[in-house]
Amino acid sequence: MAMQDSFVNTILDVPVGQIEKFLKDNLQGETHLEVIEQNCTSGTNFVRKVVITTNNLPVIRATVSFDSKKLAEPFMSALLGKKDGIGAILTKNKIAAQRNIISIEPDSAGTVKRNYEIIDNGTVLFYVSEEILLANLLANKNSR
């Protein structure tokens, strides 16, 4: 159990923009990020649903809310392209955003739920609601 807790805590501490790379480096098999859907909810507000899978098993699911008025045009264009995760887009645009944790809740179903804001220069760019699926994650963990 301690190894599990240690690995999960390490994941929770991964900097904004680095989770996909971290998972590729620490899980066995193919790890992919996929934008499941992205829709305008009203005016300039959007919701984006993302899943990161390893060996076709979901390891992280996230729902991201954002207001396009707060984002520069090149950043918004990359988001609308639906190819990359938000962290990768932040990194490509040299935006050193910070994560403001709102809540972290483990549950009895083997999931850790985390809600946080991604902030740049005092402005909340994204609100993220994330589920880390522990059984799928640990099933693919490297033994290194």
N, C-alpha and C. Protein backbone atom coordinates (compact mmCIF):
# COMPACT_ATOMS: atom_id res chain seq x y z
N MET A 1 0.82 -1.20 0.00
CA MET A 1 0.00 0.00 0.00
C MET A 1 0.86 1.26 0.00
N ALA A 2 1.99 1.23 0.69
CA ALA A 2 2.86 2.41 0.76
C ALA A 2 3.40 2.78 -0.61
N MET A 3 3.77 1.74 -1.43
CA MET A 3 4.27 2.02 -2.77
C MET A 3 3.17 2.70 -3.59
N GLN A 4 1.93 2.20 -3.46
CA GLN A 4 0.80 2.78 -4.17
C GLN A 4 0.63 4.24 -3.76
N ASP A 5 0.62 4.50 -2.46
CA ASP A 5 0.46 5.87 -1.97
C ASP A 5 1.58 6.76 -2.46
N SER A 6 2.80 6.25 -2.44
CA SER A 6 3.95 7.02 -2.90
C SER A 6 3.82 7.38 -4.38
N PHE A 7 3.43 6.40 -5.20
CA PHE A 7 3.29 6.64 -6.64
C PHE A 7 2.17 7.64 -6.92
N VAL A 8 1.05 7.49 -6.24
CA VAL A 8 -0.08 8.43 -6.42
C VAL A 8 0.34 9.82 -5.98
N ASN A 9 1.02 9.94 -4.84
CA ASN A 9 1.48 11.25 -4.38
C ASN A 9 2.45 11.88 -5.38
N THR A 10 3.30 11.05 -5.98
CA THR A 10 4.22 11.56 -7.01
C THR A 10 3.43 12.11 -8.18
N ILE A 11 2.41 11.38 -8.62
CA ILE A 11 1.56 11.86 -9.72
C ILE A 11 0.90 13.18 -9.36
N LEU A 12 0.39 13.27 -8.14
CA LEU A 12 -0.28 14.50 -7.71
C LEU A 12 0.67 15.70 -7.69
N ASP A 13 1.97 15.42 -7.54
CA ASP A 13 2.97 16.49 -7.49
C ASP A 13 3.59 16.84 -8.84
N VAL A 14 3.23 16.10 -9.89
CA VAL A 14 3.81 16.38 -11.21
C VAL A 14 3.40 17.79 -11.64
N PRO A 15 4.35 18.60 -12.11
CA PRO A 15 4.03 19.97 -12.51
C PRO A 15 3.01 20.04 -13.65
N VAL A 16 2.30 21.16 -13.72
CA VAL A 16 1.36 21.41 -14.81
C VAL A 16 2.10 21.25 -16.13
N GLY A 17 1.51 20.51 -17.03
CA GLY A 17 2.09 20.32 -18.36
C GLY A 17 2.99 19.11 -18.51
N GLN A 18 3.22 18.37 -17.42
CA GLN A 18 4.16 17.26 -17.48
C GLN A 18 3.55 15.88 -17.23
N ILE A 19 2.23 15.78 -16.98
CA ILE A 19 1.64 14.51 -16.58
C ILE A 19 1.72 13.45 -17.68
N GLU A 20 1.46 13.83 -18.93
CA GLU A 20 1.51 12.85 -20.01
C GLU A 20 2.92 12.28 -20.15
N LYS A 21 3.93 13.14 -20.10
CA LYS A 21 5.32 12.68 -20.19
C LYS A 21 5.66 11.80 -18.99
N PHE A 22 5.25 12.21 -17.81
CA PHE A 22 5.52 11.42 -16.60
C PHE A 22 4.93 10.02 -16.74
N LEU A 23 3.69 9.93 -17.19
CA LEU A 23 3.04 8.63 -17.33
C LEU A 23 3.74 7.78 -18.38
N LYS A 24 4.14 8.38 -19.50
CA LYS A 24 4.85 7.64 -20.54
C LYS A 24 6.16 7.08 -19.99
N ASP A 25 6.81 7.84 -19.12
CA ASP A 25 8.10 7.41 -18.55
C ASP A 25 7.94 6.37 -17.44
N ASN A 26 6.79 6.31 -16.80
CA ASN A 26 6.64 5.48 -15.61
C ASN A 26 5.63 4.34 -15.72
N LEU A 27 4.95 4.24 -16.85
CA LEU A 27 3.99 3.15 -17.05
C LEU A 27 4.47 2.27 -18.20
N GLN A 28 4.17 1.00 -18.12
CA GLN A 28 4.53 0.07 -19.18
C GLN A 28 3.46 0.13 -20.27
N GLY A 29 3.89 0.16 -21.53
CA GLY A 29 2.96 0.15 -22.65
C GLY A 29 2.76 1.53 -23.24
N GLU A 30 1.82 1.59 -24.14
CA GLU A 30 1.52 2.83 -24.86
C GLU A 30 0.59 3.73 -24.04
N THR A 31 1.01 4.97 -23.87
CA THR A 31 0.20 5.95 -23.16
C THR A 31 -0.20 7.05 -24.15
N HIS A 32 -1.50 7.35 -24.17
CA HIS A 32 -2.02 8.36 -25.11
C HIS A 32 -3.00 9.28 -24.41
N LEU A 33 -3.00 10.54 -24.83
CA LEU A 33 -4.01 11.49 -24.40
C LEU A 33 -4.97 11.68 -25.56
N GLU A 34 -6.26 11.64 -25.25
CA GLU A 34 -7.27 11.84 -26.29
C GLU A 34 -8.30 12.84 -25.81
N VAL A 35 -8.59 13.83 -26.67
CA VAL A 35 -9.68 14.76 -26.39
C VAL A 35 -10.96 14.07 -26.85
N ILE A 36 -11.80 13.71 -25.90
CA ILE A 36 -13.04 12.99 -26.18
C ILE A 36 -14.07 13.92 -26.80
N GLU A 37 -14.22 15.08 -26.21
CA GLU A 37 -15.13 16.09 -26.77
C GLU A 37 -14.75 17.45 -26.24
N GLN A 38 -15.16 18.46 -26.99
CA GLN A 38 -14.94 19.84 -26.59
C GLN A 38 -16.09 20.64 -27.16
N ASN A 39 -16.82 21.32 -26.29
CA ASN A 39 -18.01 22.04 -26.72
C ASN A 39 -18.08 23.41 -26.09
N CYS A 40 -18.69 24.32 -26.81
CA CYS A 40 -19.02 25.63 -26.27
C CYS A 40 -20.29 25.45 -25.45
N THR A 41 -20.25 25.87 -24.18
CA THR A 41 -21.43 25.72 -23.32
C THR A 41 -22.31 26.97 -23.36
N SER A 42 -21.70 28.14 -23.50
CA SER A 42 -22.43 29.39 -23.66
C SER A 42 -21.43 30.51 -23.91
N GLY A 43 -21.74 31.35 -24.87
CA GLY A 43 -20.87 32.49 -25.17
C GLY A 43 -19.44 32.06 -25.44
N THR A 44 -18.54 32.46 -24.55
CA THR A 44 -17.11 32.15 -24.71
C THR A 44 -16.65 31.03 -23.78
N ASN A 45 -17.60 30.37 -23.12
CA ASN A 45 -17.27 29.29 -22.18
C ASN A 45 -17.28 27.93 -22.87
N PHE A 46 -16.24 27.14 -22.58
CA PHE A 46 -16.07 25.82 -23.19
C PHE A 46 -15.88 24.77 -22.12
N VAL A 47 -16.20 23.53 -22.47
CA VAL A 47 -15.90 22.36 -21.65
C VAL A 47 -15.19 21.36 -22.55
N ARG A 48 -14.10 20.80 -22.03
CA ARG A 48 -13.28 19.83 -22.77
C ARG A 48 -13.14 18.58 -21.91
N LYS A 49 -13.40 17.42 -22.51
CA LYS A 49 -13.25 16.15 -21.79
C LYS A 49 -12.08 15.39 -22.41
N VAL A 50 -11.20 14.93 -21.53
CA VAL A 50 -9.96 14.29 -21.94
C VAL A 50 -9.79 12.99 -21.19
N VAL A 51 -9.18 12.00 -21.84
CA VAL A 51 -8.82 10.76 -21.16
C VAL A 51 -7.38 10.42 -21.53
N ILE A 52 -6.61 10.00 -20.53
CA ILE A 52 -5.27 9.48 -20.77
C ILE A 52 -5.37 7.98 -20.54
N THR A 53 -4.96 7.21 -21.55
CA THR A 53 -5.02 5.75 -21.46
C THR A 53 -3.62 5.16 -21.54
N THR A 54 -3.47 4.01 -20.92
CA THR A 54 -2.28 3.18 -21.06
C THR A 54 -2.76 1.79 -21.38
N ASN A 55 -2.26 1.24 -22.48
CA ASN A 55 -2.71 -0.08 -22.95
C ASN A 55 -4.23 -0.14 -23.05
N ASN A 56 -4.81 0.93 -23.57
CA ASN A 56 -6.25 1.07 -23.80
C ASN A 56 -7.09 1.10 -22.52
N LEU A 57 -6.45 1.20 -21.36
CA LEU A 57 -7.17 1.37 -20.10
C LEU A 57 -7.11 2.82 -19.68
N PRO A 58 -8.25 3.43 -19.32
CA PRO A 58 -8.19 4.82 -18.85
C PRO A 58 -7.46 4.89 -17.50
N VAL A 59 -6.47 5.77 -17.40
CA VAL A 59 -5.77 5.97 -16.13
C VAL A 59 -6.12 7.32 -15.50
N ILE A 60 -6.43 8.30 -16.35
CA ILE A 60 -6.87 9.62 -15.87
C ILE A 60 -7.97 10.12 -16.80
N ARG A 61 -9.05 10.59 -16.20
CA ARG A 61 -10.12 11.27 -16.93
C ARG A 61 -10.20 12.69 -16.38
N ALA A 62 -10.40 13.64 -17.28
CA ALA A 62 -10.49 15.02 -16.82
C ALA A 62 -11.55 15.78 -17.61
N THR A 63 -12.22 16.68 -16.91
CA THR A 63 -13.12 17.63 -17.54
C THR A 63 -12.56 19.01 -17.24
N VAL A 64 -12.37 19.78 -18.29
CA VAL A 64 -11.73 21.09 -18.17
C VAL A 64 -12.71 22.17 -18.64
N SER A 65 -12.90 23.19 -17.83
CA SER A 65 -13.75 24.32 -18.20
C SER A 65 -12.86 25.54 -18.40
N PHE A 66 -13.20 26.34 -19.41
CA PHE A 66 -12.41 27.56 -19.64
C PHE A 66 -13.22 28.59 -20.39
N ASP A 67 -12.78 29.85 -20.27
CA ASP A 67 -13.38 30.98 -20.96
C ASP A 67 -12.38 31.42 -22.03
N SER A 68 -12.78 31.33 -23.27
CA SER A 68 -11.86 31.65 -24.37
C SER A 68 -11.41 33.11 -24.37
N LYS A 69 -12.16 34.00 -23.71
CA LYS A 69 -11.76 35.42 -23.63
C LYS A 69 -10.44 35.59 -22.88
N LYS A 70 -10.11 34.63 -21.99
CA LYS A 70 -8.91 34.74 -21.17
C LYS A 70 -7.67 34.18 -21.86
N LEU A 71 -7.83 33.63 -23.08
CA LEU A 71 -6.73 32.95 -23.75
C LEU A 71 -6.30 33.68 -25.01
N ALA A 72 -4.99 33.72 -25.25
CA ALA A 72 -4.46 34.33 -26.47
C ALA A 72 -4.89 33.51 -27.67
N GLU A 73 -4.97 34.15 -28.83
CA GLU A 73 -5.46 33.49 -30.05
C GLU A 73 -4.68 32.23 -30.41
N PRO A 74 -3.32 32.25 -30.38
CA PRO A 74 -2.61 31.02 -30.74
C PRO A 74 -2.93 29.86 -29.78
N PHE A 75 -3.11 30.18 -28.53
CA PHE A 75 -3.44 29.16 -27.54
C PHE A 75 -4.83 28.60 -27.83
N MET A 76 -5.79 29.47 -28.11
CA MET A 76 -7.15 29.04 -28.39
C MET A 76 -7.19 28.20 -29.67
N SER A 77 -6.42 28.58 -30.67
CA SER A 77 -6.36 27.80 -31.92
C SER A 77 -5.86 26.39 -31.64
N ALA A 78 -4.85 26.27 -30.79
CA ALA A 78 -4.31 24.94 -30.45
C ALA A 78 -5.37 24.13 -29.70
N LEU A 79 -6.11 24.76 -28.80
CA LEU A 79 -7.18 24.06 -28.09
C LEU A 79 -8.26 23.57 -29.06
N LEU A 80 -8.64 24.42 -29.98
CA LEU A 80 -9.69 24.05 -30.94
C LEU A 80 -9.23 22.93 -31.87
N GLY A 81 -7.90 22.79 -32.04
CA GLY A 81 -7.36 21.71 -32.86
C GLY A 81 -7.56 20.34 -32.22
N LYS A 82 -7.80 20.29 -30.92
CA LYS A 82 -8.11 19.07 -30.17
C LYS A 82 -7.06 17.97 -30.30
N LYS A 83 -5.80 18.34 -30.58
CA LYS A 83 -4.76 17.33 -30.73
C LYS A 83 -3.95 17.14 -29.46
N ASP A 84 -3.72 18.22 -28.74
CA ASP A 84 -2.84 18.19 -27.57
C ASP A 84 -3.61 18.48 -26.29
N GLY A 85 -3.04 17.99 -25.19
CA GLY A 85 -3.58 18.33 -23.89
C GLY A 85 -3.24 19.76 -23.51
N ILE A 86 -3.93 20.26 -22.54
CA ILE A 86 -3.72 21.65 -22.11
C ILE A 86 -2.30 21.85 -21.61
N GLY A 87 -1.77 20.88 -20.87
CA GLY A 87 -0.40 21.01 -20.37
C GLY A 87 0.61 21.12 -21.49
N ALA A 88 0.45 20.32 -22.54
CA ALA A 88 1.36 20.38 -23.69
C ALA A 88 1.25 21.73 -24.40
N ILE A 89 0.04 22.25 -24.50
CA ILE A 89 -0.16 23.56 -25.14
C ILE A 89 0.46 24.66 -24.29
N LEU A 90 0.29 24.58 -22.98
CA LEU A 90 0.93 25.56 -22.09
C LEU A 90 2.44 25.54 -22.28
N THR A 91 3.02 24.34 -22.31
CA THR A 91 4.46 24.19 -22.46
C THR A 91 4.93 24.76 -23.80
N LYS A 92 4.24 24.42 -24.89
CA LYS A 92 4.61 24.91 -26.22
C LYS A 92 4.56 26.43 -26.30
N ASN A 93 3.64 27.03 -25.55
CA ASN A 93 3.49 28.49 -25.56
C ASN A 93 4.30 29.17 -24.46
N LYS A 94 5.16 28.38 -23.81
CA LYS A 94 6.05 28.89 -22.76
C LYS A 94 5.29 29.61 -21.65
N ILE A 95 4.16 29.04 -21.26
CA ILE A 95 3.35 29.58 -20.16
C ILE A 95 3.63 28.73 -18.94
N ALA A 96 4.23 29.33 -17.94
CA ALA A 96 4.59 28.61 -16.70
C ALA A 96 3.46 28.75 -15.70
N ALA A 97 2.37 28.08 -15.97
CA ALA A 97 1.18 28.18 -15.11
C ALA A 97 1.38 27.39 -13.83
N GLN A 98 0.59 27.72 -12.84
CA GLN A 98 0.61 27.05 -11.54
C GLN A 98 -0.72 26.36 -11.31
N ARG A 99 -0.69 25.35 -10.46
CA ARG A 99 -1.91 24.63 -10.10
C ARG A 99 -2.34 25.07 -8.70
N ASN A 100 -3.60 25.46 -8.57
CA ASN A 100 -4.18 25.78 -7.27
C ASN A 100 -5.17 24.68 -6.93
N ILE A 101 -4.78 23.80 -5.99
CA ILE A 101 -5.63 22.67 -5.61
C ILE A 101 -6.83 23.17 -4.82
N ILE A 102 -8.01 22.74 -5.25
CA ILE A 102 -9.24 23.06 -4.54
C ILE A 102 -9.62 21.89 -3.64
N SER A 103 -9.52 20.66 -4.17
CA SER A 103 -9.82 19.49 -3.34
C SER A 103 -9.16 18.24 -3.92
N ILE A 104 -8.85 17.31 -3.02
CA ILE A 104 -8.36 15.97 -3.38
C ILE A 104 -9.13 14.99 -2.52
N GLU A 105 -9.83 14.06 -3.17
CA GLU A 105 -10.67 13.13 -2.44
C GLU A 105 -10.49 11.70 -2.94
N PRO A 106 -9.84 10.83 -2.15
CA PRO A 106 -9.83 9.42 -2.52
C PRO A 106 -11.21 8.83 -2.20
N ASP A 107 -11.64 7.85 -3.00
CA ASP A 107 -12.91 7.20 -2.67
C ASP A 107 -12.74 5.70 -2.56
N SER A 108 -13.77 5.04 -2.08
CA SER A 108 -13.68 3.59 -1.84
C SER A 108 -13.69 2.79 -3.13
N ALA A 109 -13.99 3.41 -4.26
CA ALA A 109 -14.02 2.70 -5.54
C ALA A 109 -12.65 2.65 -6.21
N GLY A 110 -11.60 3.14 -5.51
CA GLY A 110 -10.26 3.10 -6.08
C GLY A 110 -9.96 4.24 -7.02
N THR A 111 -10.58 5.37 -6.77
CA THR A 111 -10.38 6.57 -7.60
C THR A 111 -9.95 7.72 -6.69
N VAL A 112 -9.04 8.53 -7.19
CA VAL A 112 -8.72 9.78 -6.51
C VAL A 112 -9.29 10.89 -7.37
N LYS A 113 -10.15 11.71 -6.77
CA LYS A 113 -10.74 12.84 -7.48
C LYS A 113 -10.05 14.11 -7.03
N ARG A 114 -9.67 14.91 -8.00
CA ARG A 114 -8.95 16.15 -7.69
C ARG A 114 -9.56 17.27 -8.52
N ASN A 115 -9.80 18.39 -7.87
CA ASN A 115 -10.29 19.60 -8.54
C ASN A 115 -9.25 20.69 -8.33
N TYR A 116 -8.92 21.39 -9.42
CA TYR A 116 -7.93 22.45 -9.30
C TYR A 116 -8.10 23.48 -10.40
N GLU A 117 -7.44 24.62 -10.18
CA GLU A 117 -7.40 25.69 -11.17
C GLU A 117 -5.99 25.75 -11.73
N ILE A 118 -5.90 26.09 -13.01
CA ILE A 118 -4.60 26.37 -13.63
C ILE A 118 -4.55 27.88 -13.78
N ILE A 119 -3.52 28.48 -13.14
CA ILE A 119 -3.43 29.94 -13.02
C ILE A 119 -2.15 30.44 -13.67
N ASP A 120 -2.26 31.54 -14.41
CA ASP A 120 -1.09 32.21 -14.97
C ASP A 120 -1.19 33.69 -14.63
N ASN A 121 -0.16 34.21 -13.99
CA ASN A 121 -0.12 35.64 -13.61
C ASN A 121 -1.39 36.09 -12.89
N GLY A 122 -1.87 35.26 -11.96
CA GLY A 122 -3.02 35.62 -11.15
C GLY A 122 -4.38 35.41 -11.83
N THR A 123 -4.39 34.96 -13.08
CA THR A 123 -5.63 34.74 -13.81
C THR A 123 -5.92 33.25 -13.90
N VAL A 124 -7.12 32.84 -13.51
CA VAL A 124 -7.51 31.44 -13.66
C VAL A 124 -7.82 31.20 -15.14
N LEU A 125 -7.00 30.34 -15.75
CA LEU A 125 -7.20 30.01 -17.16
C LEU A 125 -8.13 28.80 -17.34
N PHE A 126 -8.00 27.82 -16.43
CA PHE A 126 -8.76 26.58 -16.55
C PHE A 126 -9.19 26.10 -15.18
N TYR A 127 -10.35 25.46 -15.14
CA TYR A 127 -10.80 24.73 -13.97
C TYR A 127 -10.84 23.26 -14.38
N VAL A 128 -10.16 22.41 -13.61
CA VAL A 128 -10.01 21.00 -13.97
C VAL A 128 -10.61 20.13 -12.88
N SER A 129 -11.42 19.18 -13.31
CA SER A 129 -11.95 18.13 -12.44
C SER A 129 -11.41 16.82 -12.99
N GLU A 130 -10.64 16.12 -12.17
CA GLU A 130 -9.85 14.99 -12.64
C GLU A 130 -10.14 13.75 -11.79
N GLU A 131 -10.16 12.59 -12.46
CA GLU A 131 -10.26 11.31 -11.77
C GLU A 131 -9.04 10.47 -12.13
N ILE A 132 -8.33 10.01 -11.11
CA ILE A 132 -7.19 9.12 -11.31
C ILE A 132 -7.67 7.72 -10.94
N LEU A 133 -7.65 6.82 -11.91
CA LEU A 133 -8.18 5.46 -11.73
C LEU A 133 -7.05 4.56 -11.28
N LEU A 134 -6.98 4.34 -9.97
CA LEU A 134 -5.82 3.69 -9.35
C LEU A 134 -5.57 2.27 -9.85
N ALA A 135 -6.59 1.45 -9.97
CA ALA A 135 -6.39 0.06 -10.39
C ALA A 135 -5.75 0.01 -11.78
N ASN A 136 -6.27 0.81 -12.71
CA ASN A 136 -5.71 0.82 -14.07
C ASN A 136 -4.31 1.41 -14.09
N LEU A 137 -4.09 2.42 -13.29
CA LEU A 137 -2.78 3.06 -13.20
C LEU A 137 -1.74 2.08 -12.67
N LEU A 138 -2.04 1.44 -11.56
CA LEU A 138 -1.07 0.54 -10.93
C LEU A 138 -0.88 -0.75 -11.71
N ALA A 139 -1.87 -1.16 -12.49
CA ALA A 139 -1.75 -2.35 -13.33
C ALA A 139 -0.70 -2.16 -14.42
N ASN A 140 -0.43 -0.90 -14.76
CA ASN A 140 0.51 -0.59 -15.83
C ASN A 140 1.83 0.02 -15.33
N LYS A 141 2.01 0.08 -14.02
CA LYS A 141 3.20 0.73 -13.48
C LYS A 141 4.45 -0.08 -13.79
N ASN A 142 5.50 0.62 -14.21
CA ASN A 142 6.81 -0.01 -14.42
C ASN A 142 7.32 -0.56 -13.10
N SER A 143 8.06 -1.63 -13.18
CA SER A 143 8.63 -2.21 -11.94
C SER A 143 10.02 -1.66 -11.65
N ARG A 144 10.43 -0.60 -12.35
CA ARG A 144 11.76 0.00 -12.13
C ARG A 144 11.86 0.63 -10.77
